[in-house]
C-alpha atoms as a PDB file:
ATOM      1  CA  MET A   1      -4.356   5.331  43.646  1.00  0.00           C
ATOM      2  CA  GLU A   2      -1.441   6.820  41.233  1.00  0.00           C
ATOM      3  CA  LYS A   3       0.259   4.283  39.521  1.00  0.00           C
ATOM      4  CA  LYS A   4       4.291   4.214  39.489  1.00  0.00           C
ATOM      5  CA  PHE A   5       6.998   3.106  37.203  1.00  0.00           C
ATOM      6  CA  ASN A   6       9.251   0.974  39.493  1.00  0.00           C
ATOM      7  CA  CYS A   7      12.337   1.691  38.741  1.00  0.00           C
ATOM      8  CA  ILE A   8      15.533  -0.619  40.109  1.00  0.00           C
ATOM      9  CA  GLN A   9      17.677   2.814  39.180  1.00  0.00           C
ATOM     10  CA  CYS A  10      20.750   0.580  37.327  1.00  0.00           C
ATOM     11  CA  GLY A  11      21.363   3.479  35.210  1.00  0.00           C
ATOM     12  CA  GLU A  12      20.791   1.726  31.560  1.00  0.00           C
ATOM     13  CA  CYS A  13      18.344   4.553  30.609  1.00  0.00           C
ATOM     14  CA  CYS A  14      20.537   7.634  31.404  1.00  0.00           C
ATOM     15  CA  ARG A  15      23.434   5.117  29.577  1.00  0.00           C
ATOM     16  CA  HIS A  16      21.210   5.212  26.626  1.00  0.00           C
ATOM     17  CA  ILE A  17      19.964   9.183  25.938  1.00  0.00           C
ATOM     18  CA  GLY A  18      21.400  10.181  21.728  1.00  0.00           C
ATOM     19  CA  HIS A  19      17.526   9.386  20.103  1.00  0.00           C
ATOM     20  CA  ILE A  20      15.841  11.874  22.820  1.00  0.00           C
ATOM     21  CA  PRO A  21      15.328  15.670  21.480  1.00  0.00           C
ATOM     22  CA  GLU A  22      14.618  16.464  25.273  1.00  0.00           C
ATOM     23  CA  LEU A  23      17.304  15.691  25.634  1.00  0.00           C
ATOM     24  CA  GLU A  24      20.062  16.385  23.046  1.00  0.00           C
ATOM     25  CA  ASP A  25      21.542  19.047  25.604  1.00  0.00           C
ATOM     26  CA  TYR A  26      22.493  16.118  28.418  1.00  0.00           C
ATOM     27  CA  HIS A  27      25.063  14.664  26.819  1.00  0.00           C
ATOM     28  CA  ASP A  28      28.352  15.452  24.252  1.00  0.00           C
ATOM     29  CA  GLY A  29      27.301  12.651  21.425  1.00  0.00           C
ATOM     30  CA  ASP A  30      28.482   9.962  23.847  1.00  0.00           C
ATOM     31  CA  GLY A  31      24.594   9.219  24.362  1.00  0.00           C
ATOM     32  CA  ILE A  32      25.338   8.860  28.145  1.00  0.00           C
ATOM     33  CA  CYS A  33      24.047  11.736  30.220  1.00  0.00           C
ATOM     34  CA  MET A  34      26.131  13.913  31.818  1.00  0.00           C
ATOM     35  CA  TYR A  35      24.446  13.852  35.352  1.00  0.00           C
ATOM     36  CA  LEU A  36      24.799  10.130  35.472  1.00  0.00           C
ATOM     37  CA  ASN A  37      27.184   9.319  38.115  1.00  0.00           C
ATOM     38  CA  GLN A  38      29.011   6.080  36.289  1.00  0.00           C
ATOM     39  CA  SER A  39      30.500   4.522  39.514  1.00  0.00           C
ATOM     40  CA  SER A  40      26.672   4.589  41.212  1.00  0.00           C
ATOM     41  CA  SER A  41      24.369   4.396  38.201  1.00  0.00           C
ATOM     42  CA  LEU A  42      22.564   7.330  40.418  1.00  0.00           C
ATOM     43  CA  CYS A  43      21.380  10.545  38.462  1.00  0.00           C
ATOM     44  CA  MET A  44      23.158  13.590  40.216  1.00  0.00           C
ATOM     45  CA  ILE A  45      20.477  15.932  39.343  1.00  0.00           C
ATOM     46  CA  TYR A  46      17.223  13.123  40.139  1.00  0.00           C
ATOM     47  CA  ASN A  47      15.354  16.469  42.058  1.00  0.00           C
ATOM     48  CA  SER A  48      16.219  18.729  39.011  1.00  0.00           C
ATOM     49  CA  ARG A  49      16.098  16.221  36.350  1.00  0.00           C
ATOM     50  CA  PRO A  50      13.945  17.123  33.325  1.00  0.00           C
ATOM     51  CA  PHE A  51      10.296  15.990  32.958  1.00  0.00           C
ATOM     52  CA  ILE A  52      11.104  13.394  30.399  1.00  0.00           C
ATOM     53  CA  CYS A  53      13.440  10.935  32.791  1.00  0.00           C
ATOM     54  CA  ASP A  54      10.812  11.394  35.406  1.00  0.00           C
ATOM     55  CA  VAL A  55       8.083   7.757  33.966  1.00  0.00           C
ATOM     56  CA  SER A  56       4.909  10.048  36.049  1.00  0.00           C
ATOM     57  CA  LYS A  57       5.931  13.539  34.713  1.00  0.00           C
ATOM     58  CA  ALA A  58       6.505  12.772  30.704  1.00  0.00           C
ATOM     59  CA  TYR A  59       3.186  10.742  30.818  1.00  0.00           C
ATOM     60  CA  ASP A  60       0.503  13.435  32.422  1.00  0.00           C
ATOM     61  CA  ILE A  61       2.802  16.205  30.236  1.00  0.00           C
ATOM     62  CA  ILE A  62       3.339  13.996  26.616  1.00  0.00           C
ATOM     63  CA  PHE A  63       1.512  10.621  26.669  1.00  0.00           C
ATOM     64  CA  SER A  64      -1.803  11.196  28.161  1.00  0.00           C
ATOM     65  CA  ASN A  65      -3.650  12.374  25.395  1.00  0.00           C
ATOM     66  CA  ASN A  66      -2.817   9.684  23.654  1.00  0.00           C
ATOM     67  CA  MET A  67      -2.524   6.212  25.764  1.00  0.00           C
ATOM     68  CA  GLU A  68      -4.106   4.704  28.821  1.00  0.00           C
ATOM     69  CA  GLU A  69      -1.361   4.563  31.591  1.00  0.00           C
ATOM     70  CA  ASP A  70      -0.899   0.718  32.058  1.00  0.00           C
ATOM     71  CA  GLU A  71       0.276   0.836  28.068  1.00  0.00           C
ATOM     72  CA  TYR A  72       2.236   4.084  29.155  1.00  0.00           C
ATOM     73  CA  LEU A  73       3.736   1.560  31.935  1.00  0.00           C
ATOM     74  CA  GLU A  74       4.229  -1.883  29.787  1.00  0.00           C
ATOM     75  CA  LYS A  75       5.536   0.025  27.314  1.00  0.00           C
ATOM     76  CA  ASN A  76       8.726   1.601  29.280  1.00  0.00           C
ATOM     77  CA  TYR A  77       8.843  -1.722  31.422  1.00  0.00           C
ATOM     78  CA  LYS A  78       9.529  -3.082  27.807  1.00  0.00           C
ATOM     79  CA  GLY A  79      11.883  -0.508  26.655  1.00  0.00           C
ATOM     80  CA  CYS A  80      14.281  -1.324  30.581  1.00  0.00           C
ATOM     81  CA  LYS A  81      13.625  -5.090  29.621  1.00  0.00           C
ATOM     82  CA  ASN A  82      15.068  -4.356  26.095  1.00  0.00           C
ATOM     83  CA  LEU A  83      18.309  -1.889  27.483  1.00  0.00           C
ATOM     84  CA  TRP A  84      19.059  -4.879  29.783  1.00  0.00           C
ATOM     85  CA  GLN A  85      19.043  -7.072  26.679  1.00  0.00           C
ATOM     86  CA  MET A  86      21.666  -4.975  24.954  1.00  0.00           C
ATOM     87  CA  LYS A  87      23.639  -4.695  28.042  1.00  0.00           C
ATOM     88  CA  LYS A  88      23.558  -8.514  28.581  1.00  0.00           C
ATOM     89  CA  THR A  89      24.690  -9.297  24.700  1.00  0.00           C
ATOM     90  CA  LYS A  90      27.987  -6.616  24.987  1.00  0.00           C
ATOM     91  CA  PRO A  91      30.913  -8.454  24.338  1.00  0.00           C
END
C-alpha cells in the first residue's frame, strides 16, 4: 500500500519557498509562490506543479535513497507543524 502525505491544503508551505533552490524561479524575492491563489490558498498549477512540491514525487526522486518513507513523511509533517506555529505567532 502506497503511503500518502495528508496535506490540509493551507498553502503555508507555498508562502515559504524562498530557501528552496528548486523553486527560485517561482517567486519574485518575497518567498511566496506566484502560483498560490492567495484567496483560496490553493495551487493554480497543481496538476503540473514542480516535483519538489509533490511530497511523494520528491521522496521518489530525491530522498528515497537516504531515508525510509515513514521518516520522510514524519519530517514533512514536522515542517508543516512548524509553519503553522510560525503563522500563529505572527503579529
